[in-house]
Amino acid sequence: PRRVIQFVALDKAAMGSTIEVKEEALKAAYESKKATYTELKASHILFKAESEADYTQALQKAQELRTRLVAKPADFPAVAEAQSQDPTAKANRGDLGWFRSGTMVKPFEDAAMALQVGEISQPVRTSFGIHLIRLEGRRTKSFDDVKEELRAQLVQERFVAKARERLEQLRKRTGERGDLAAAAKALGLKVETSQPFLNEPGVAIQGLPEAGFLINRAFA
């Protein structure tokens, strides 16, 4: 047996000017997301720990080492190479390179974000052990750098919200077993009717480029 479905598909063009994003909104969004556009460059020394006894011992080592490194910060790379238990330390001397928010585990990231360039953190506990972190650099992408990326993101968010709202209105007007046509006409929406289709791999419905889920539902 075949199925035929009615459907209303919305795209950005159907939303018109309702999803446009003005300059003021872009600037406000940039300020609220500024942390995500900030990149940090950091080095660290890790003392691995698993049990509480390990953490206690690692903390003591880190505190003692920090006192030495604050007095001689230039020694940080050499000490990282010699003492860090991070497997990559021998090759990179503790240098983690540039990273963005969400890349590192949260306690590490929070501690690094709070540092001034050149400053060495207090010992930081993570699931890996105890870290000493030195902030090597900080840079933030400007508004102009991310403006179009941000615009596309906000337009997409507005489109999804507006489309869901319109289609929910349609669903309520149609009811559980109603005909989409009358309700869609009242809302100024266009109804499409598919050609009969089978429940088999590779079936396509014109106007619905990703129809797999709907096809399965139609046969349920």
N, C-alpha and C. Protein backbone atom coordinates (compact mmCIF):
# COMPACT_ATOMS: atom_id res chain seq x y z
N PRO A 1 0.83 -1.21 0.00
CA PRO A 1 0.00 0.00 0.00
C PRO A 1 0.86 1.25 0.00
N ARG A 2 0.40 2.26 -0.72
CA ARG A 2 1.12 3.52 -0.80
C ARG A 2 0.49 4.55 0.12
N ARG A 3 1.21 5.62 0.34
CA ARG A 3 0.71 6.73 1.14
C ARG A 3 0.80 8.01 0.33
N VAL A 4 -0.08 8.95 0.66
CA VAL A 4 -0.04 10.31 0.12
C VAL A 4 -0.12 11.24 1.31
N ILE A 5 0.74 12.25 1.35
CA ILE A 5 0.69 13.19 2.48
C ILE A 5 0.51 14.63 1.99
N GLN A 6 -0.16 15.41 2.82
CA GLN A 6 -0.20 16.86 2.65
C GLN A 6 0.89 17.44 3.55
N PHE A 7 1.50 18.51 3.11
CA PHE A 7 2.49 19.14 3.98
C PHE A 7 2.64 20.62 3.64
N VAL A 8 3.09 21.36 4.63
CA VAL A 8 3.46 22.76 4.46
C VAL A 8 4.92 22.87 4.85
N ALA A 9 5.75 23.32 3.94
CA ALA A 9 7.18 23.48 4.21
C ALA A 9 7.54 24.96 4.15
N LEU A 10 8.17 25.44 5.19
CA LEU A 10 8.55 26.86 5.25
C LEU A 10 10.04 27.02 5.06
N ASP A 11 10.46 28.06 4.35
CA ASP A 11 11.87 28.41 4.24
C ASP A 11 12.04 29.86 4.67
N LYS A 12 13.27 30.33 4.66
CA LYS A 12 13.54 31.69 5.14
C LYS A 12 12.82 32.74 4.31
N ALA A 13 12.69 32.49 3.00
CA ALA A 13 12.01 33.46 2.14
C ALA A 13 10.56 33.65 2.58
N ALA A 14 9.94 32.59 3.08
CA ALA A 14 8.54 32.67 3.52
C ALA A 14 8.38 33.55 4.75
N MET A 15 9.46 33.72 5.50
CA MET A 15 9.40 34.53 6.73
C MET A 15 9.59 36.02 6.46
N GLY A 16 10.11 36.34 5.27
CA GLY A 16 10.28 37.74 4.89
C GLY A 16 11.16 38.52 5.85
N SER A 17 10.74 39.75 6.15
CA SER A 17 11.55 40.65 6.98
C SER A 17 11.47 40.33 8.47
N THR A 18 10.60 39.39 8.84
CA THR A 18 10.41 39.10 10.27
C THR A 18 11.65 38.46 10.90
N ILE A 19 12.55 37.93 10.07
CA ILE A 19 13.75 37.29 10.64
C ILE A 19 15.01 38.10 10.39
N GLU A 20 14.87 39.30 9.85
CA GLU A 20 16.04 40.15 9.65
C GLU A 20 16.60 40.59 11.00
N VAL A 21 17.92 40.77 11.06
CA VAL A 21 18.59 41.16 12.30
C VAL A 21 19.23 42.54 12.11
N LYS A 22 18.85 43.49 12.93
CA LYS A 22 19.39 44.84 12.82
C LYS A 22 20.76 44.94 13.51
N GLU A 23 21.48 45.99 13.16
CA GLU A 23 22.83 46.20 13.68
C GLU A 23 22.87 46.23 15.21
N GLU A 24 21.87 46.89 15.81
CA GLU A 24 21.84 46.99 17.27
C GLU A 24 21.73 45.61 17.92
N ALA A 25 20.92 44.74 17.31
CA ALA A 25 20.76 43.39 17.86
C ALA A 25 22.04 42.59 17.69
N LEU A 26 22.74 42.80 16.57
CA LEU A 26 24.00 42.12 16.36
C LEU A 26 25.03 42.53 17.40
N LYS A 27 25.11 43.82 17.68
CA LYS A 27 26.08 44.31 18.67
C LYS A 27 25.76 43.80 20.06
N ALA A 28 24.47 43.76 20.39
CA ALA A 28 24.07 43.25 21.71
C ALA A 28 24.42 41.76 21.83
N ALA A 29 24.19 41.01 20.75
CA ALA A 29 24.51 39.58 20.77
C ALA A 29 26.01 39.37 20.89
N TYR A 30 26.79 40.22 20.20
CA TYR A 30 28.25 40.11 20.28
C TYR A 30 28.73 40.32 21.72
N GLU A 31 28.20 41.34 22.38
CA GLU A 31 28.61 41.61 23.76
C GLU A 31 28.25 40.44 24.68
N SER A 32 27.07 39.85 24.46
CA SER A 32 26.64 38.76 25.34
C SER A 32 27.44 37.47 25.09
N LYS A 33 27.99 37.33 23.87
CA LYS A 33 28.73 36.12 23.51
C LYS A 33 30.23 36.36 23.45
N LYS A 34 30.67 37.51 23.94
CA LYS A 34 32.07 37.90 23.74
C LYS A 34 33.05 36.85 24.25
N ALA A 35 32.70 36.20 25.34
CA ALA A 35 33.61 35.19 25.91
C ALA A 35 33.86 34.05 24.92
N THR A 36 32.86 33.75 24.10
CA THR A 36 33.03 32.65 23.15
C THR A 36 33.93 33.04 21.99
N TYR A 37 34.16 34.35 21.81
CA TYR A 37 35.05 34.82 20.75
C TYR A 37 36.44 35.15 21.28
N THR A 38 36.66 34.86 22.56
CA THR A 38 37.97 35.09 23.18
C THR A 38 38.78 33.80 23.15
N GLU A 39 40.01 33.90 22.72
CA GLU A 39 40.92 32.76 22.71
C GLU A 39 42.05 33.00 23.70
N LEU A 40 42.45 31.95 24.38
CA LEU A 40 43.54 32.01 25.34
C LEU A 40 44.69 31.15 24.85
N LYS A 41 45.91 31.58 25.20
CA LYS A 41 47.09 30.75 24.97
C LYS A 41 47.70 30.49 26.34
N ALA A 42 47.86 29.23 26.69
CA ALA A 42 48.32 28.89 28.04
C ALA A 42 49.31 27.74 28.02
N SER A 43 50.11 27.70 29.08
CA SER A 43 50.97 26.55 29.35
C SER A 43 50.56 25.98 30.70
N HIS A 44 50.85 24.71 30.92
CA HIS A 44 50.50 24.13 32.22
C HIS A 44 51.49 23.06 32.63
N ILE A 45 51.48 22.81 33.91
CA ILE A 45 52.23 21.70 34.51
C ILE A 45 51.21 20.85 35.24
N LEU A 46 51.20 19.56 34.96
CA LEU A 46 50.21 18.66 35.54
C LEU A 46 50.86 17.66 36.48
N PHE A 47 50.25 17.51 37.65
CA PHE A 47 50.59 16.42 38.56
C PHE A 47 49.35 15.51 38.59
N LYS A 48 49.46 14.32 38.02
CA LYS A 48 48.31 13.43 37.93
C LYS A 48 47.84 12.97 39.31
N ALA A 49 46.52 12.73 39.41
CA ALA A 49 45.95 12.25 40.67
C ALA A 49 44.67 11.50 40.38
N GLU A 50 44.42 10.46 41.16
CA GLU A 50 43.17 9.72 41.06
C GLU A 50 42.47 9.64 42.41
N SER A 51 43.19 9.19 43.44
CA SER A 51 42.61 9.09 44.78
C SER A 51 42.78 10.42 45.51
N GLU A 52 42.07 10.55 46.63
CA GLU A 52 42.20 11.76 47.44
C GLU A 52 43.62 11.91 47.98
N ALA A 53 44.25 10.79 48.28
CA ALA A 53 45.64 10.84 48.76
C ALA A 53 46.54 11.39 47.65
N ASP A 54 46.27 10.96 46.43
CA ASP A 54 47.04 11.47 45.28
C ASP A 54 46.86 12.98 45.14
N TYR A 55 45.60 13.43 45.26
CA TYR A 55 45.32 14.86 45.11
C TYR A 55 46.02 15.68 46.20
N THR A 56 46.03 15.15 47.41
CA THR A 56 46.69 15.86 48.51
C THR A 56 48.19 16.00 48.23
N GLN A 57 48.79 14.93 47.78
CA GLN A 57 50.23 14.95 47.47
C GLN A 57 50.52 15.86 46.28
N ALA A 58 49.68 15.79 45.25
CA ALA A 58 49.87 16.62 44.06
C ALA A 58 49.70 18.09 44.39
N LEU A 59 48.75 18.40 45.25
CA LEU A 59 48.52 19.79 45.65
C LEU A 59 49.74 20.36 46.36
N GLN A 60 50.33 19.56 47.25
CA GLN A 60 51.51 20.01 47.97
C GLN A 60 52.66 20.29 47.00
N LYS A 61 52.88 19.39 46.04
CA LYS A 61 53.93 19.58 45.04
C LYS A 61 53.70 20.86 44.23
N ALA A 62 52.44 21.05 43.83
CA ALA A 62 52.11 22.21 43.00
C ALA A 62 52.31 23.51 43.76
N GLN A 63 51.93 23.53 45.03
CA GLN A 63 52.10 24.74 45.84
C GLN A 63 53.57 25.10 46.00
N GLU A 64 54.37 24.09 46.27
CA GLU A 64 55.81 24.33 46.43
C GLU A 64 56.43 24.80 45.12
N LEU A 65 56.03 24.19 44.03
CA LEU A 65 56.58 24.55 42.73
C LEU A 65 56.13 25.95 42.31
N ARG A 66 54.90 26.30 42.64
CA ARG A 66 54.41 27.63 42.27
C ARG A 66 55.24 28.72 42.93
N THR A 67 55.61 28.54 44.17
CA THR A 67 56.42 29.53 44.87
C THR A 67 57.73 29.77 44.12
N ARG A 68 58.33 28.69 43.66
CA ARG A 68 59.58 28.79 42.90
C ARG A 68 59.36 29.50 41.56
N LEU A 69 58.27 29.13 40.87
CA LEU A 69 58.03 29.68 39.53
C LEU A 69 57.59 31.13 39.54
N VAL A 70 56.89 31.55 40.58
CA VAL A 70 56.51 32.96 40.69
C VAL A 70 57.77 33.82 40.81
N ALA A 71 58.78 33.28 41.51
CA ALA A 71 60.04 34.01 41.65
C ALA A 71 60.84 33.98 40.35
N LYS A 72 60.73 32.89 39.58
CA LYS A 72 61.47 32.76 38.32
C LYS A 72 60.53 32.25 37.22
N PRO A 73 59.61 33.09 36.73
CA PRO A 73 58.63 32.64 35.75
C PRO A 73 59.23 32.15 34.45
N ALA A 74 60.42 32.61 34.11
CA ALA A 74 61.06 32.17 32.86
C ALA A 74 61.39 30.68 32.89
N ASP A 75 61.44 30.09 34.08
CA ASP A 75 61.76 28.66 34.19
C ASP A 75 60.57 27.76 33.84
N PHE A 76 59.40 28.33 33.63
CA PHE A 76 58.18 27.52 33.47
C PHE A 76 58.31 26.46 32.37
N PRO A 77 58.75 26.80 31.16
CA PRO A 77 58.85 25.77 30.11
C PRO A 77 59.78 24.63 30.47
N ALA A 78 60.93 24.96 31.02
CA ALA A 78 61.90 23.92 31.37
C ALA A 78 61.36 23.03 32.48
N VAL A 79 60.71 23.62 33.46
CA VAL A 79 60.14 22.84 34.56
C VAL A 79 59.00 21.97 34.05
N ALA A 80 58.20 22.50 33.16
CA ALA A 80 57.10 21.71 32.58
C ALA A 80 57.66 20.49 31.86
N GLU A 81 58.72 20.69 31.09
CA GLU A 81 59.33 19.58 30.37
C GLU A 81 59.88 18.52 31.33
N ALA A 82 60.46 18.98 32.44
CA ALA A 82 61.11 18.06 33.36
C ALA A 82 60.14 17.39 34.34
N GLN A 83 59.08 18.13 34.77
CA GLN A 83 58.27 17.62 35.88
C GLN A 83 56.81 17.33 35.55
N SER A 84 56.27 17.96 34.49
CA SER A 84 54.85 17.75 34.20
C SER A 84 54.58 16.30 33.83
N GLN A 85 53.46 15.79 34.32
CA GLN A 85 53.06 14.42 34.02
C GLN A 85 52.07 14.34 32.85
N ASP A 86 51.88 15.46 32.18
CA ASP A 86 51.14 15.45 30.92
C ASP A 86 52.02 14.76 29.88
N PRO A 87 51.51 13.72 29.20
CA PRO A 87 52.35 12.96 28.24
C PRO A 87 52.93 13.82 27.12
N THR A 88 52.31 14.96 26.82
CA THR A 88 52.80 15.81 25.73
C THR A 88 53.86 16.80 26.18
N ALA A 89 54.12 16.87 27.47
CA ALA A 89 54.99 17.92 28.00
C ALA A 89 56.42 17.84 27.49
N LYS A 90 56.91 16.63 27.24
CA LYS A 90 58.29 16.49 26.76
C LYS A 90 58.46 17.16 25.40
N ALA A 91 57.40 17.10 24.60
CA ALA A 91 57.48 17.67 23.26
C ALA A 91 57.13 19.15 23.21
N ASN A 92 56.12 19.54 24.00
CA ASN A 92 55.65 20.94 23.89
C ASN A 92 56.02 21.83 25.08
N ARG A 93 56.72 21.26 26.07
CA ARG A 93 57.15 22.00 27.27
C ARG A 93 55.97 22.68 27.96
N GLY A 94 54.83 22.01 27.94
CA GLY A 94 53.64 22.50 28.63
C GLY A 94 52.78 23.44 27.82
N ASP A 95 53.21 23.79 26.61
CA ASP A 95 52.48 24.77 25.79
C ASP A 95 51.23 24.12 25.20
N LEU A 96 50.06 24.66 25.52
CA LEU A 96 48.79 24.13 25.03
C LEU A 96 48.29 24.86 23.79
N GLY A 97 48.98 25.90 23.37
CA GLY A 97 48.55 26.67 22.21
C GLY A 97 47.31 27.49 22.49
N TRP A 98 46.67 27.95 21.42
CA TRP A 98 45.46 28.77 21.53
C TRP A 98 44.23 27.87 21.64
N PHE A 99 43.29 28.25 22.49
CA PHE A 99 42.04 27.50 22.60
C PHE A 99 40.89 28.44 22.93
N ARG A 100 39.70 28.02 22.52
CA ARG A 100 38.49 28.81 22.75
C ARG A 100 37.69 28.23 23.90
N SER A 101 36.72 29.00 24.35
CA SER A 101 35.83 28.56 25.42
C SER A 101 35.16 27.25 25.03
N GLY A 102 35.09 26.32 25.99
CA GLY A 102 34.46 25.03 25.75
C GLY A 102 35.43 23.95 25.32
N THR A 103 36.70 24.33 25.10
CA THR A 103 37.69 23.35 24.66
C THR A 103 38.28 22.56 25.82
N MET A 104 38.54 23.27 26.92
CA MET A 104 39.15 22.65 28.10
C MET A 104 38.08 22.31 29.13
N VAL A 105 38.43 21.46 30.10
CA VAL A 105 37.50 21.19 31.20
C VAL A 105 37.26 22.49 31.96
N LYS A 106 36.07 22.63 32.51
CA LYS A 106 35.62 23.92 33.04
C LYS A 106 36.52 24.50 34.13
N PRO A 107 36.94 23.72 35.14
CA PRO A 107 37.80 24.33 36.18
C PRO A 107 39.08 24.92 35.60
N PHE A 108 39.66 24.21 34.63
CA PHE A 108 40.89 24.69 33.98
C PHE A 108 40.59 25.97 33.21
N GLU A 109 39.53 25.96 32.42
CA GLU A 109 39.18 27.12 31.60
C GLU A 109 38.87 28.34 32.47
N ASP A 110 38.09 28.13 33.52
CA ASP A 110 37.73 29.24 34.41
C ASP A 110 38.97 29.87 35.04
N ALA A 111 39.90 29.01 35.48
CA ALA A 111 41.12 29.52 36.10
C ALA A 111 41.97 30.28 35.10
N ALA A 112 42.09 29.75 33.87
CA ALA A 112 42.88 30.41 32.84
C ALA A 112 42.27 31.75 32.45
N MET A 113 40.94 31.79 32.36
CA MET A 113 40.25 33.01 31.97
C MET A 113 40.45 34.13 33.00
N ALA A 114 40.63 33.76 34.25
CA ALA A 114 40.77 34.76 35.31
C ALA A 114 42.18 35.33 35.42
N LEU A 115 43.15 34.76 34.70
CA LEU A 115 44.55 35.19 34.82
C LEU A 115 44.86 36.40 33.94
N GLN A 116 45.86 37.16 34.34
CA GLN A 116 46.46 38.16 33.47
C GLN A 116 47.59 37.50 32.70
N VAL A 117 47.92 38.05 31.54
CA VAL A 117 49.00 37.47 30.74
C VAL A 117 50.29 37.45 31.55
N GLY A 118 50.96 36.30 31.60
CA GLY A 118 52.19 36.14 32.35
C GLY A 118 51.98 35.64 33.77
N GLU A 119 50.74 35.66 34.24
CA GLU A 119 50.45 35.26 35.63
C GLU A 119 50.36 33.74 35.73
N ILE A 120 50.79 33.20 36.88
CA ILE A 120 50.72 31.77 37.15
C ILE A 120 49.60 31.53 38.16
N SER A 121 48.74 30.59 37.85
CA SER A 121 47.57 30.33 38.70
C SER A 121 47.95 29.67 40.01
N GLN A 122 47.02 29.72 40.95
CA GLN A 122 47.07 28.83 42.10
C GLN A 122 46.81 27.42 41.59
N PRO A 123 47.16 26.37 42.35
CA PRO A 123 46.87 25.01 41.90
C PRO A 123 45.39 24.83 41.56
N VAL A 124 45.14 24.20 40.43
CA VAL A 124 43.77 24.01 39.94
C VAL A 124 43.48 22.51 39.87
N ARG A 125 42.38 22.11 40.51
CA ARG A 125 42.01 20.69 40.51
C ARG A 125 41.05 20.38 39.37
N THR A 126 41.35 19.35 38.59
CA THR A 126 40.45 18.84 37.57
C THR A 126 40.40 17.31 37.70
N SER A 127 39.67 16.68 36.82
CA SER A 127 39.59 15.22 36.85
C SER A 127 40.91 14.56 36.47
N PHE A 128 41.85 15.33 35.92
CA PHE A 128 43.15 14.79 35.53
C PHE A 128 44.16 14.85 36.67
N GLY A 129 43.96 15.78 37.58
CA GLY A 129 44.91 15.98 38.66
C GLY A 129 44.98 17.44 39.06
N ILE A 130 46.19 17.89 39.43
CA ILE A 130 46.41 19.27 39.85
C ILE A 130 47.28 19.98 38.81
N HIS A 131 46.83 21.16 38.40
CA HIS A 131 47.54 21.92 37.37
C HIS A 131 48.06 23.24 37.93
N LEU A 132 49.20 23.67 37.40
CA LEU A 132 49.63 25.06 37.47
C LEU A 132 49.50 25.60 36.05
N ILE A 133 48.87 26.74 35.91
CA ILE A 133 48.61 27.30 34.58
C ILE A 133 49.28 28.66 34.46
N ARG A 134 49.95 28.88 33.36
CA ARG A 134 50.47 30.22 33.07
C ARG A 134 49.80 30.72 31.79
N LEU A 135 49.21 31.90 31.88
CA LEU A 135 48.56 32.49 30.70
C LEU A 135 49.60 33.17 29.84
N GLU A 136 49.69 32.73 28.59
CA GLU A 136 50.69 33.25 27.66
C GLU A 136 50.13 34.36 26.77
N GLY A 137 48.82 34.35 26.53
CA GLY A 137 48.25 35.36 25.65
C GLY A 137 46.74 35.31 25.67
N ARG A 138 46.12 36.39 25.22
CA ARG A 138 44.67 36.50 25.15
C ARG A 138 44.32 37.34 23.92
N ARG A 139 43.39 36.88 23.12
CA ARG A 139 42.94 37.67 21.98
C ARG A 139 41.44 37.47 21.77
N THR A 140 40.77 38.52 21.36
CA THR A 140 39.32 38.46 21.14
C THR A 140 39.01 38.94 19.74
N LYS A 141 38.21 38.14 19.02
CA LYS A 141 37.80 38.56 17.68
C LYS A 141 36.92 39.80 17.79
N SER A 142 37.13 40.73 16.88
CA SER A 142 36.36 41.97 16.90
C SER A 142 34.94 41.74 16.37
N PHE A 143 34.09 42.72 16.61
CA PHE A 143 32.71 42.65 16.11
C PHE A 143 32.70 42.47 14.59
N ASP A 144 33.55 43.21 13.90
CA ASP A 144 33.59 43.11 12.44
C ASP A 144 34.04 41.73 11.97
N ASP A 145 34.92 41.08 12.76
CA ASP A 145 35.41 39.76 12.40
C ASP A 145 34.29 38.71 12.40
N VAL A 146 33.35 38.85 13.33
CA VAL A 146 32.33 37.80 13.52
C VAL A 146 30.93 38.26 13.12
N LYS A 147 30.81 39.47 12.63
CA LYS A 147 29.50 40.06 12.35
C LYS A 147 28.63 39.18 11.46
N GLU A 148 29.16 38.72 10.32
CA GLU A 148 28.35 37.95 9.38
C GLU A 148 28.07 36.54 9.91
N GLU A 149 29.03 35.96 10.59
CA GLU A 149 28.81 34.66 11.23
C GLU A 149 27.67 34.76 12.25
N LEU A 150 27.72 35.84 13.04
CA LEU A 150 26.70 36.07 14.06
C LEU A 150 25.35 36.35 13.43
N ARG A 151 25.34 37.12 12.34
CA ARG A 151 24.09 37.41 11.66
C ARG A 151 23.42 36.12 11.17
N ALA A 152 24.21 35.24 10.53
CA ALA A 152 23.67 33.98 10.03
C ALA A 152 23.09 33.13 11.17
N GLN A 153 23.79 33.14 12.30
CA GLN A 153 23.34 32.36 13.46
C GLN A 153 22.01 32.90 13.99
N LEU A 154 21.91 34.23 14.13
CA LEU A 154 20.69 34.83 14.67
C LEU A 154 19.52 34.70 13.70
N VAL A 155 19.80 34.85 12.41
CA VAL A 155 18.74 34.68 11.40
C VAL A 155 18.19 33.25 11.48
N GLN A 156 19.09 32.27 11.59
CA GLN A 156 18.65 30.88 11.68
C GLN A 156 17.81 30.64 12.93
N GLU A 157 18.24 31.21 14.06
CA GLU A 157 17.49 31.05 15.31
C GLU A 157 16.10 31.67 15.19
N ARG A 158 16.04 32.86 14.60
CA ARG A 158 14.74 33.52 14.44
C ARG A 158 13.85 32.75 13.47
N PHE A 159 14.45 32.24 12.39
CA PHE A 159 13.68 31.47 11.42
C PHE A 159 13.05 30.24 12.07
N VAL A 160 13.84 29.49 12.83
CA VAL A 160 13.33 28.29 13.47
C VAL A 160 12.19 28.63 14.42
N ALA A 161 12.36 29.70 15.22
CA ALA A 161 11.33 30.09 16.18
C ALA A 161 10.04 30.52 15.46
N LYS A 162 10.19 31.35 14.43
CA LYS A 162 9.01 31.85 13.70
C LYS A 162 8.31 30.72 12.95
N ALA A 163 9.10 29.83 12.33
CA ALA A 163 8.51 28.73 11.58
C ALA A 163 7.74 27.79 12.51
N ARG A 164 8.33 27.48 13.65
CA ARG A 164 7.62 26.63 14.62
C ARG A 164 6.31 27.29 15.06
N GLU A 165 6.35 28.59 15.28
CA GLU A 165 5.15 29.32 15.71
C GLU A 165 4.05 29.24 14.65
N ARG A 166 4.42 29.48 13.36
CA ARG A 166 3.43 29.44 12.29
C ARG A 166 2.85 28.04 12.12
N LEU A 167 3.72 27.03 12.18
CA LEU A 167 3.24 25.66 11.98
C LEU A 167 2.42 25.16 13.16
N GLU A 168 2.71 25.66 14.35
CA GLU A 168 1.89 25.31 15.50
C GLU A 168 0.49 25.92 15.36
N GLN A 169 0.42 27.15 14.83
CA GLN A 169 -0.89 27.75 14.56
C GLN A 169 -1.67 26.89 13.57
N LEU A 170 -0.97 26.42 12.54
CA LEU A 170 -1.60 25.57 11.54
C LEU A 170 -2.09 24.27 12.16
N ARG A 171 -1.27 23.67 12.99
CA ARG A 171 -1.65 22.40 13.63
C ARG A 171 -2.91 22.57 14.47
N LYS A 172 -2.99 23.66 15.22
CA LYS A 172 -4.15 23.88 16.09
C LYS A 172 -5.41 24.13 15.27
N ARG A 173 -5.27 24.87 14.18
CA ARG A 173 -6.44 25.15 13.33
C ARG A 173 -6.92 23.88 12.63
N THR A 174 -5.99 23.01 12.27
CA THR A 174 -6.33 21.81 11.51
C THR A 174 -6.97 20.75 12.39
N GLY A 175 -6.47 20.63 13.63
CA GLY A 175 -6.95 19.57 14.50
C GLY A 175 -6.25 18.26 14.20
N GLU A 176 -6.61 17.21 14.94
CA GLU A 176 -5.91 15.94 14.83
C GLU A 176 -6.11 15.27 13.47
N ARG A 177 -7.31 15.34 12.90
CA ARG A 177 -7.58 14.60 11.66
C ARG A 177 -8.17 15.51 10.58
N GLY A 178 -7.88 16.79 10.66
CA GLY A 178 -8.44 17.72 9.69
C GLY A 178 -7.66 17.78 8.40
N ASP A 179 -8.17 18.61 7.50
CA ASP A 179 -7.53 18.83 6.21
C ASP A 179 -6.67 20.09 6.34
N LEU A 180 -5.41 19.97 5.94
CA LEU A 180 -4.51 21.13 6.07
C LEU A 180 -4.94 22.31 5.19
N ALA A 181 -5.59 22.01 4.08
CA ALA A 181 -5.82 23.04 3.06
C ALA A 181 -6.56 24.26 3.58
N ALA A 182 -7.68 24.06 4.25
CA ALA A 182 -8.49 25.19 4.71
C ALA A 182 -7.74 26.01 5.75
N ALA A 183 -7.12 25.31 6.71
CA ALA A 183 -6.38 26.02 7.76
C ALA A 183 -5.19 26.78 7.18
N ALA A 184 -4.49 26.17 6.22
CA ALA A 184 -3.34 26.82 5.61
C ALA A 184 -3.75 28.06 4.84
N LYS A 185 -4.85 27.96 4.13
CA LYS A 185 -5.34 29.11 3.35
C LYS A 185 -5.64 30.29 4.27
N ALA A 186 -6.24 30.00 5.43
CA ALA A 186 -6.57 31.07 6.38
C ALA A 186 -5.32 31.75 6.93
N LEU A 187 -4.21 31.00 6.97
CA LEU A 187 -2.96 31.55 7.49
C LEU A 187 -2.03 32.03 6.39
N GLY A 188 -2.48 31.95 5.15
CA GLY A 188 -1.64 32.40 4.04
C GLY A 188 -0.49 31.46 3.74
N LEU A 189 -0.68 30.17 4.02
CA LEU A 189 0.37 29.18 3.79
C LEU A 189 0.01 28.29 2.61
N LYS A 190 1.01 27.76 1.93
CA LYS A 190 0.80 26.92 0.76
C LYS A 190 0.90 25.45 1.14
N VAL A 191 -0.12 24.69 0.75
CA VAL A 191 -0.13 23.25 1.01
C VAL A 191 0.33 22.50 -0.23
N GLU A 192 1.20 21.52 -0.02
CA GLU A 192 1.66 20.64 -1.10
C GLU A 192 1.08 19.25 -0.85
N THR A 193 0.84 18.52 -1.91
CA THR A 193 0.38 17.13 -1.80
C THR A 193 1.37 16.24 -2.55
N SER A 194 1.84 15.22 -1.86
CA SER A 194 2.86 14.35 -2.47
C SER A 194 2.25 13.41 -3.49
N GLN A 195 3.10 12.83 -4.31
CA GLN A 195 2.72 11.70 -5.14
C GLN A 195 2.65 10.46 -4.24
N PRO A 196 1.87 9.46 -4.60
CA PRO A 196 1.85 8.23 -3.80
C PRO A 196 3.26 7.63 -3.69
N PHE A 197 3.60 7.16 -2.49
CA PHE A 197 4.95 6.59 -2.30
C PHE A 197 4.89 5.33 -1.45
N LEU A 198 5.90 4.49 -1.61
CA LEU A 198 6.03 3.25 -0.86
C LEU A 198 6.98 3.44 0.31
N ASN A 199 6.90 2.55 1.25
CA ASN A 199 7.82 2.57 2.40
C ASN A 199 9.03 1.71 2.05
N GLU A 200 9.97 2.32 1.33
CA GLU A 200 11.15 1.58 0.90
C GLU A 200 12.33 2.53 0.81
N PRO A 201 13.55 2.01 0.89
CA PRO A 201 14.74 2.87 0.86
C PRO A 201 14.80 3.70 -0.42
N GLY A 202 15.29 4.93 -0.27
CA GLY A 202 15.51 5.78 -1.43
C GLY A 202 14.30 6.56 -1.89
N VAL A 203 13.16 6.42 -1.19
CA VAL A 203 11.96 7.17 -1.57
C VAL A 203 12.19 8.65 -1.34
N ALA A 204 11.81 9.48 -2.29
CA ALA A 204 11.95 10.92 -2.17
C ALA A 204 10.61 11.58 -2.38
N ILE A 205 10.40 12.68 -1.67
CA ILE A 205 9.18 13.48 -1.83
C ILE A 205 9.59 14.86 -2.28
N GLN A 206 9.13 15.27 -3.43
CA GLN A 206 9.50 16.58 -3.96
C GLN A 206 9.03 17.67 -3.01
N GLY A 207 9.97 18.57 -2.68
CA GLY A 207 9.65 19.65 -1.74
C GLY A 207 10.05 19.35 -0.32
N LEU A 208 10.43 18.09 -0.06
CA LEU A 208 10.90 17.69 1.27
C LEU A 208 12.22 16.96 1.11
N PRO A 209 13.34 17.68 1.11
CA PRO A 209 14.64 17.04 0.85
C PRO A 209 15.08 16.03 1.91
N GLU A 210 14.56 16.16 3.13
CA GLU A 210 14.92 15.20 4.19
C GLU A 210 13.63 14.59 4.74
N ALA A 211 13.01 13.74 3.97
CA ALA A 211 11.67 13.26 4.30
C ALA A 211 11.65 11.91 5.01
N GLY A 212 12.82 11.36 5.33
CA GLY A 212 12.87 10.01 5.90
C GLY A 212 11.99 9.82 7.11
N PHE A 213 12.05 10.75 8.07
CA PHE A 213 11.26 10.62 9.29
C PHE A 213 9.76 10.67 8.97
N LEU A 214 9.37 11.60 8.08
CA LEU A 214 7.95 11.74 7.74
C LEU A 214 7.44 10.51 7.00
N ILE A 215 8.28 9.93 6.16
CA ILE A 215 7.87 8.72 5.45
C ILE A 215 7.60 7.60 6.46
N ASN A 216 8.47 7.44 7.42
CA ASN A 216 8.27 6.41 8.46
C ASN A 216 6.99 6.67 9.24
N ARG A 217 6.75 7.92 9.57
CA ARG A 217 5.53 8.27 10.31
C ARG A 217 4.27 7.98 9.48
N ALA A 218 4.36 8.24 8.18
CA ALA A 218 3.20 8.03 7.32
C ALA A 218 2.76 6.57 7.30
N PHE A 219 3.71 5.66 7.51
CA PHE A 219 3.39 4.24 7.50
C PHE A 219 3.17 3.71 8.92
N ALA A 220 3.17 4.57 9.90
CA ALA A 220 2.94 4.14 11.29
C ALA A 220 1.46 4.20 11.63
